[in-house]
């Protein structure tokens, strides 16, 4: 059984969750990863398409770990 719930401390917190202006887009996510990798001493170029770049995916899995165990996901 799996149960999930969203819990908010007040109406303002709920409103911020529902506001699409706070959603991250793919470029913002890539920026976050690039900034973190730079702090780890890794000098990485921005992928032209992070969804279609196997080197980028492998780097993320190697750096942050795969939820499937090991450096590579069995789904790729």
PDB file of N, CA and C in Angstrom:
ATOM      1  N   UNK A   1       0.846  -1.170   0.000  1.00  0.00           N
ATOM      2  CA  UNK A   1       0.000   0.000   0.000  1.00  0.00           C
ATOM      3  C   UNK A   1       0.893   1.234   0.000  1.00  0.00           C
ATOM      4  N   UNK A   2       0.509   2.212  -0.775  1.00  0.00           N
ATOM      5  CA  UNK A   2       1.242   3.460  -0.855  1.00  0.00           C
ATOM      6  C   UNK A   2       0.263   4.596  -0.625  1.00  0.00           C
ATOM      7  N   UNK A   3       0.625   5.502   0.259  1.00  0.00           N
ATOM      8  CA  UNK A   3      -0.216   6.652   0.542  1.00  0.00           C
ATOM      9  C   UNK A   3       0.636   7.893   0.483  1.00  0.00           C
ATOM     10  N   UNK A   4       0.166   8.896  -0.234  1.00  0.00           N
ATOM     11  CA  UNK A   4       0.872  10.170  -0.324  1.00  0.00           C
ATOM     12  C   UNK A   4      -0.090  11.285   0.043  1.00  0.00           C
ATOM     13  N   UNK A   5       0.463  12.325   0.630  1.00  0.00           N
ATOM     14  CA  UNK A   5      -0.357  13.479   0.978  1.00  0.00           C
ATOM     15  C   UNK A   5       0.485  14.743   0.857  1.00  0.00           C
ATOM     16  N   UNK A   6      -0.120  15.801   0.433  1.00  0.00           N
ATOM     17  CA  UNK A   6       0.520  17.107   0.437  1.00  0.00           C
ATOM     18  C   UNK A   6       0.002  17.839   1.665  1.00  0.00           C
ATOM     19  N   UNK A   7       0.909  18.344   2.464  1.00  0.00           N
ATOM     20  CA  UNK A   7       0.545  19.030   3.697  1.00  0.00           C
ATOM     21  C   UNK A   7       1.154  20.422   3.642  1.00  0.00           C
ATOM     22  N   UNK A   8       0.348  21.414   3.945  1.00  0.00           N
ATOM     23  CA  UNK A   8       0.790  22.798   3.875  1.00  0.00           C
ATOM     24  C   UNK A   8       0.565  23.463   5.215  1.00  0.00           C
ATOM     25  N   UNK A   9       1.494  24.355   5.573  1.00  0.00           N
ATOM     26  CA  UNK A   9       1.393  24.999   6.880  1.00  0.00           C
ATOM     27  C   UNK A   9       0.297  26.060   6.937  1.00  0.00           C
ATOM     28  N   UNK A  10      -0.053  26.630   5.772  1.00  0.00           N
ATOM     29  CA  UNK A  10      -1.121  27.630   5.743  1.00  0.00           C
ATOM     30  C   UNK A  10      -1.559  27.850   4.290  1.00  0.00           C
ATOM     31  N   UNK A  11      -2.507  28.740   4.093  1.00  0.00           N
ATOM     32  CA  UNK A  11      -3.044  29.022   2.761  1.00  0.00           C
ATOM     33  C   UNK A  11      -1.980  29.621   1.834  1.00  0.00           C
ATOM     34  N   UNK A  12      -1.079  30.419   2.362  1.00  0.00           N
ATOM     35  CA  UNK A  12      -0.021  31.015   1.547  1.00  0.00           C
ATOM     36  C   UNK A  12       0.909  29.931   1.010  1.00  0.00           C
ATOM     37  N   UNK A  13       1.240  28.982   1.856  1.00  0.00           N
ATOM     38  CA  UNK A  13       2.091  27.865   1.438  1.00  0.00           C
ATOM     39  C   UNK A  13       1.390  27.054   0.351  1.00  0.00           C
ATOM     40  N   UNK A  14       0.113  26.778   0.526  1.00  0.00           N
ATOM     41  CA  UNK A  14      -0.669  26.062  -0.486  1.00  0.00           C
ATOM     42  C   UNK A  14      -0.690  26.846  -1.798  1.00  0.00           C
ATOM     43  N   UNK A  15      -0.912  28.146  -1.724  1.00  0.00           N
ATOM     44  CA  UNK A  15      -0.970  28.979  -2.927  1.00  0.00           C
ATOM     45  C   UNK A  15       0.363  28.952  -3.671  1.00  0.00           C
ATOM     46  N   UNK A  16       1.476  28.941  -2.942  1.00  0.00           N
ATOM     47  CA  UNK A  16       2.779  28.899  -3.612  1.00  0.00           C
ATOM     48  C   UNK A  16       2.983  27.563  -4.321  1.00  0.00           C
ATOM     49  N   UNK A  17       2.434  26.486  -3.761  1.00  0.00           N
ATOM     50  CA  UNK A  17       2.522  25.170  -4.396  1.00  0.00           C
ATOM     51  C   UNK A  17       1.708  25.128  -5.681  1.00  0.00           C
ATOM     52  N   UNK A  18       0.580  25.779  -5.684  1.00  0.00           N
ATOM     53  CA  UNK A  18      -0.308  25.759  -6.840  1.00  0.00           C
ATOM     54  C   UNK A  18       0.066  26.784  -7.910  1.00  0.00           C
ATOM     55  N   UNK A  19       0.973  27.702  -7.601  1.00  0.00           N
ATOM     56  CA  UNK A  19       1.359  28.754  -8.530  1.00  0.00           C
ATOM     57  C   UNK A  19       2.382  28.210  -9.525  1.00  0.00           C
ATOM     58  N   UNK A  20       2.045  28.150 -10.821  1.00  0.00           N
ATOM     59  CA  UNK A  20       2.979  27.607 -11.815  1.00  0.00           C
ATOM     60  C   UNK A  20       4.244  28.440 -11.981  1.00  0.00           C
ATOM     61  N   UNK A  21       4.250  29.669 -11.485  1.00  0.00           N
ATOM     62  CA  UNK A  21       5.453  30.499 -11.579  1.00  0.00           C
ATOM     63  C   UNK A  21       6.609  29.889 -10.784  1.00  0.00           C
ATOM     64  N   UNK A  22       6.303  28.996  -9.837  1.00  0.00           N
ATOM     65  CA  UNK A  22       7.336  28.368  -9.018  1.00  0.00           C
ATOM     66  C   UNK A  22       7.806  27.030  -9.592  1.00  0.00           C
ATOM     67  N   UNK A  23       7.220  26.599 -10.704  1.00  0.00           N
ATOM     68  CA  UNK A  23       7.631  25.335 -11.323  1.00  0.00           C
ATOM     69  C   UNK A  23       9.021  25.481 -11.946  1.00  0.00           C
ATOM     70  N   UNK A  24       9.803  24.424 -11.872  1.00  0.00           N
ATOM     71  CA  UNK A  24      11.107  24.406 -12.517  1.00  0.00           C
ATOM     72  C   UNK A  24      10.954  23.904 -13.949  1.00  0.00           C
ATOM     73  N   UNK A  25      11.696  24.508 -14.862  1.00  0.00           N
ATOM     74  CA  UNK A  25      11.731  23.976 -16.223  1.00  0.00           C
ATOM     75  C   UNK A  25      13.047  23.221 -16.409  1.00  0.00           C
ATOM     76  N   UNK A  26      13.206  22.560 -17.545  1.00  0.00           N
ATOM     77  CA  UNK A  26      14.387  21.722 -17.785  1.00  0.00           C
ATOM     78  C   UNK A  26      15.678  22.542 -17.717  1.00  0.00           C
ATOM     79  N   UNK A  27      15.681  23.755 -18.238  1.00  0.00           N
ATOM     80  CA  UNK A  27      16.886  24.586 -18.189  1.00  0.00           C
ATOM     81  C   UNK A  27      17.289  24.916 -16.757  1.00  0.00           C
ATOM     82  N   UNK A  28      16.313  25.200 -15.907  1.00  0.00           N
ATOM     83  CA  UNK A  28      16.616  25.491 -14.510  1.00  0.00           C
ATOM     84  C   UNK A  28      17.199  24.266 -13.807  1.00  0.00           C
ATOM     85  N   UNK A  29      16.654  23.099 -14.094  1.00  0.00           N
ATOM     86  CA  UNK A  29      17.158  21.866 -13.484  1.00  0.00           C
ATOM     87  C   UNK A  29      18.586  21.602 -13.935  1.00  0.00           C
ATOM     88  N   UNK A  30      18.861  21.775 -15.222  1.00  0.00           N
ATOM     89  CA  UNK A  30      20.220  21.590 -15.734  1.00  0.00           C
ATOM     90  C   UNK A  30      21.165  22.589 -15.055  1.00  0.00           C
ATOM     91  N   UNK A  31      20.736  23.843 -14.904  1.00  0.00           N
ATOM     92  CA  UNK A  31      21.556  24.854 -14.225  1.00  0.00           C
ATOM     93  C   UNK A  31      21.880  24.421 -12.790  1.00  0.00           C
ATOM     94  N   UNK A  32      20.912  23.885 -12.084  1.00  0.00           N
ATOM     95  CA  UNK A  32      21.118  23.440 -10.707  1.00  0.00           C
ATOM     96  C   UNK A  32      22.162  22.328 -10.668  1.00  0.00           C
ATOM     97  N   UNK A  33      22.028  21.348 -11.565  1.00  0.00           N
ATOM     98  CA  UNK A  33      23.011  20.267 -11.613  1.00  0.00           C
ATOM     99  C   UNK A  33      24.398  20.791 -11.993  1.00  0.00           C
ATOM    100  N   UNK A  34      24.479  21.671 -12.997  1.00  0.00           N
ATOM    101  CA  UNK A  34      25.774  22.208 -13.416  1.00  0.00           C
ATOM    102  C   UNK A  34      26.448  22.977 -12.284  1.00  0.00           C
ATOM    103  N   UNK A  35      25.680  23.791 -11.561  1.00  0.00           N
ATOM    104  CA  UNK A  35      26.235  24.530 -10.425  1.00  0.00           C
ATOM    105  C   UNK A  35      26.758  23.582  -9.350  1.00  0.00           C
ATOM    106  N   UNK A  36      25.988  22.538  -9.054  1.00  0.00           N
ATOM    107  CA  UNK A  36      26.420  21.588  -8.028  1.00  0.00           C
ATOM    108  C   UNK A  36      27.666  20.830  -8.472  1.00  0.00           C
ATOM    109  N   UNK A  37      27.698  20.416  -9.733  1.00  0.00           N
ATOM    110  CA  UNK A  37      28.872  19.689 -10.221  1.00  0.00           C
ATOM    111  C   UNK A  37      30.113  20.575 -10.195  1.00  0.00           C
ATOM    112  N   UNK A  38      29.930  21.866 -10.467  1.00  0.00           N
ATOM    113  CA  UNK A  38      31.063  22.789 -10.393  1.00  0.00           C
ATOM    114  C   UNK A  38      31.600  22.860  -8.963  1.00  0.00           C
ATOM    115  N   UNK A  39      30.710  22.882  -7.978  1.00  0.00           N
ATOM    116  CA  UNK A  39      31.169  22.901  -6.582  1.00  0.00           C
ATOM    117  C   UNK A  39      31.877  21.597  -6.210  1.00  0.00           C
ATOM    118  N   UNK A  40      31.591  20.530  -6.928  1.00  0.00           N
ATOM    119  CA  UNK A  40      32.252  19.243  -6.707  1.00  0.00           C
ATOM    120  C   UNK A  40      33.568  19.131  -7.489  1.00  0.00           C
ATOM    121  N   UNK A  41      33.903  20.197  -8.238  1.00  0.00           N
ATOM    122  CA  UNK A  41      35.141  20.198  -8.993  1.00  0.00           C
ATOM    123  C   UNK A  41      35.031  19.591 -10.372  1.00  0.00           C
ATOM    124  N   UNK A  42      33.823  19.375 -10.846  1.00  0.00           N
ATOM    125  CA  UNK A  42      33.615  18.815 -12.185  1.00  0.00           C
ATOM    126  C   UNK A  42      33.333  19.943 -13.160  1.00  0.00           C
ATOM    127  N   UNK A  43      34.086  19.984 -14.242  1.00  0.00           N
ATOM    128  CA  UNK A  43      33.874  20.994 -15.277  1.00  0.00           C
ATOM    129  C   UNK A  43      33.132  20.327 -16.431  1.00  0.00           C
ATOM    130  N   UNK A  44      31.866  20.634 -16.554  1.00  0.00           N
ATOM    131  CA  UNK A  44      30.992  19.957 -17.503  1.00  0.00           C
ATOM    132  C   UNK A  44      30.364  20.987 -18.444  1.00  0.00           C
ATOM    133  N   UNK A  45      30.250  20.628 -19.706  1.00  0.00           N
ATOM    134  CA  UNK A  45      29.548  21.477 -20.668  1.00  0.00           C
ATOM    135  C   UNK A  45      28.052  21.217 -20.593  1.00  0.00           C
ATOM    136  N   UNK A  46      27.286  22.253 -20.857  1.00  0.00           N
ATOM    137  CA  UNK A  46      25.826  22.129 -20.874  1.00  0.00           C
ATOM    138  C   UNK A  46      25.417  21.217 -22.030  1.00  0.00           C
ATOM    139  N   UNK A  47      24.565  20.225 -21.743  1.00  0.00           N
ATOM    140  CA  UNK A  47      24.089  19.369 -22.839  1.00  0.00           C
ATOM    141  C   UNK A  47      23.127  20.147 -23.733  1.00  0.00           C
ATOM    142  N   UNK A  48      23.211  19.895 -25.035  1.00  0.00           N
ATOM    143  CA  UNK A  48      22.303  20.593 -25.945  1.00  0.00           C
ATOM    144  C   UNK A  48      20.864  20.119 -25.736  1.00  0.00           C
ATOM    145  N   UNK A  49      20.691  18.838 -25.425  1.00  0.00           N
ATOM    146  CA  UNK A  49      19.372  18.281 -25.110  1.00  0.00           C
ATOM    147  C   UNK A  49      19.548  17.288 -23.970  1.00  0.00           C
ATOM    148  N   UNK A  50      19.278  17.702 -22.734  1.00  0.00           N
ATOM    149  CA  UNK A  50      19.526  16.818 -21.591  1.00  0.00           C
ATOM    150  C   UNK A  50      18.697  15.535 -21.614  1.00  0.00           C
ATOM    151  N   UNK A  51      17.625  15.513 -22.387  1.00  0.00           N
ATOM    152  CA  UNK A  51      16.788  14.316 -22.447  1.00  0.00           C
ATOM    153  C   UNK A  51      17.305  13.292 -23.452  1.00  0.00           C
ATOM    154  N   UNK A  52      18.194  13.727 -24.330  1.00  0.00           N
ATOM    155  CA  UNK A  52      18.699  12.847 -25.386  1.00  0.00           C
ATOM    156  C   UNK A  52      20.216  12.706 -25.362  1.00  0.00           C
ATOM    157  N   UNK A  53      20.857  13.081 -24.273  1.00  0.00           N
ATOM    158  CA  UNK A  53      22.319  13.031 -24.196  1.00  0.00           C
ATOM    159  C   UNK A  53      22.741  11.897 -23.250  1.00  0.00           C
ATOM    160  N   UNK A  54      23.145  10.749 -23.796  1.00  0.00           N
ATOM    161  CA  UNK A  54      23.514   9.627 -22.930  1.00  0.00           C
ATOM    162  C   UNK A  54      24.694   9.952 -22.006  1.00  0.00           C
ATOM    163  N   UNK A  55      25.637  10.789 -22.456  1.00  0.00           N
ATOM    164  CA  UNK A  55      26.756  11.149 -21.593  1.00  0.00           C
ATOM    165  C   UNK A  55      26.274  11.942 -20.380  1.00  0.00           C
ATOM    166  N   UNK A  56      25.323  12.828 -20.594  1.00  0.00           N
ATOM    167  CA  UNK A  56      24.750  13.631 -19.499  1.00  0.00           C
ATOM    168  C   UNK A  56      24.030  12.722 -18.510  1.00  0.00           C
ATOM    169  N   UNK A  57      23.223  11.811 -19.006  1.00  0.00           N
ATOM    170  CA  UNK A  57      22.491  10.876 -18.154  1.00  0.00           C
ATOM    171  C   UNK A  57      23.474  10.021 -17.343  1.00  0.00           C
ATOM    172  N   UNK A  58      24.508   9.506 -18.003  1.00  0.00           N
ATOM    173  CA  UNK A  58      25.494   8.683 -17.308  1.00  0.00           C
ATOM    174  C   UNK A  58      26.241   9.488 -16.247  1.00  0.00           C
ATOM    175  N   UNK A  59      26.557  10.748 -16.556  1.00  0.00           N
ATOM    176  CA  UNK A  59      27.229  11.598 -15.583  1.00  0.00           C
ATOM    177  C   UNK A  59      26.345  11.814 -14.356  1.00  0.00           C
ATOM    178  N   UNK A  60      25.069  12.089 -14.574  1.00  0.00           N
ATOM    179  CA  UNK A  60      24.147  12.275 -13.450  1.00  0.00           C
ATOM    180  C   UNK A  60      24.052  11.008 -12.609  1.00  0.00           C
ATOM    181  N   UNK A  61      23.942   9.864 -13.262  1.00  0.00           N
ATOM    182  CA  UNK A  61      23.825   8.609 -12.529  1.00  0.00           C
ATOM    183  C   UNK A  61      25.104   8.281 -11.775  1.00  0.00           C
ATOM    184  N   UNK A  62      26.249   8.577 -12.370  1.00  0.00           N
ATOM    185  CA  UNK A  62      27.518   8.308 -11.706  1.00  0.00           C
ATOM    186  C   UNK A  62      27.732   9.264 -10.533  1.00  0.00           C
ATOM    187  N   UNK A  63      27.392  10.534 -10.730  1.00  0.00           N
ATOM    188  CA  UNK A  63      27.608  11.545  -9.704  1.00  0.00           C
ATOM    189  C   UNK A  63      26.622  11.419  -8.551  1.00  0.00           C
ATOM    190  N   UNK A  64      25.366  11.176  -8.863  1.00  0.00           N
ATOM    191  CA  UNK A  64      24.328  11.197  -7.838  1.00  0.00           C
ATOM    192  C   UNK A  64      23.765   9.818  -7.507  1.00  0.00           C
ATOM    193  N   UNK A  65      24.172   8.810  -8.233  1.00  0.00           N
ATOM    194  CA  UNK A  65      23.682   7.459  -7.976  1.00  0.00           C
ATOM    195  C   UNK A  65      22.387   7.183  -8.707  1.00  0.00           C
ATOM    196  N   UNK A  66      22.195   5.944  -9.045  1.00  0.00           N
ATOM    197  CA  UNK A  66      20.986   5.519  -9.739  1.00  0.00           C
ATOM    198  C   UNK A  66      20.034   4.868  -8.744  1.00  0.00           C
ATOM    199  N   UNK A  67      18.743   5.135  -8.849  1.00  0.00           N
ATOM    200  CA  UNK A  67      17.797   4.460  -7.952  1.00  0.00           C
ATOM    201  C   UNK A  67      17.714   2.963  -8.235  1.00  0.00           C
ATOM    202  N   UNK A  68      18.321   2.515  -9.337  1.00  0.00           N
ATOM    203  CA  UNK A  68      18.276   1.117  -9.711  1.00  0.00           C
ATOM    204  C   UNK A  68      19.537   0.381  -9.312  1.00  0.00           C
ATOM    205  N   UNK A  69      20.445   1.068  -8.636  1.00  0.00           N
ATOM    206  CA  UNK A  69      21.701   0.456  -8.218  1.00  0.00           C
ATOM    207  C   UNK A  69      22.716   0.482  -9.343  1.00  0.00           C
ATOM    208  N   UNK A  70      23.930   0.815  -9.031  1.00  0.00           N
ATOM    209  CA  UNK A  70      24.964   0.862 -10.047  1.00  0.00           C
ATOM    210  C   UNK A  70      24.947   2.176 -10.790  1.00  0.00           C
ATOM    211  N   UNK A  71      25.871   2.324 -11.701  1.00  0.00           N
ATOM    212  CA  UNK A  71      26.040   3.589 -12.411  1.00  0.00           C
ATOM    213  C   UNK A  71      25.050   3.757 -13.549  1.00  0.00           C
ATOM    214  N   UNK A  72      24.519   2.660 -14.073  1.00  0.00           N
ATOM    215  CA  UNK A  72      23.619   2.780 -15.230  1.00  0.00           C
ATOM    216  C   UNK A  72      22.274   2.122 -14.927  1.00  0.00           C
ATOM    217  N   UNK A  73      21.250   2.747 -15.406  1.00  0.00           N
ATOM    218  CA  UNK A  73      19.908   2.215 -15.245  1.00  0.00           C
ATOM    219  C   UNK A  73      19.681   1.103 -16.250  1.00  0.00           C
ATOM    220  N   UNK A  74      18.984   0.029 -15.875  1.00  0.00           N
ATOM    221  CA  UNK A  74      18.692  -1.033 -16.830  1.00  0.00           C
ATOM    222  C   UNK A  74      17.676  -0.625 -17.891  1.00  0.00           C
ATOM    223  N   UNK A  75      17.090   0.560 -17.751  1.00  0.00           N
ATOM    224  CA  UNK A  75      16.070   1.014 -18.686  1.00  0.00           C
ATOM    225  C   UNK A  75      16.654   1.788 -19.855  1.00  0.00           C
ATOM    226  N   UNK A  76      17.978   2.011 -19.879  1.00  0.00           N
ATOM    227  CA  UNK A  76      18.597   2.780 -20.951  1.00  0.00           C
ATOM    228  C   UNK A  76      19.564   1.906 -21.698  1.00  0.00           C
TER     229      UNK A  76
END
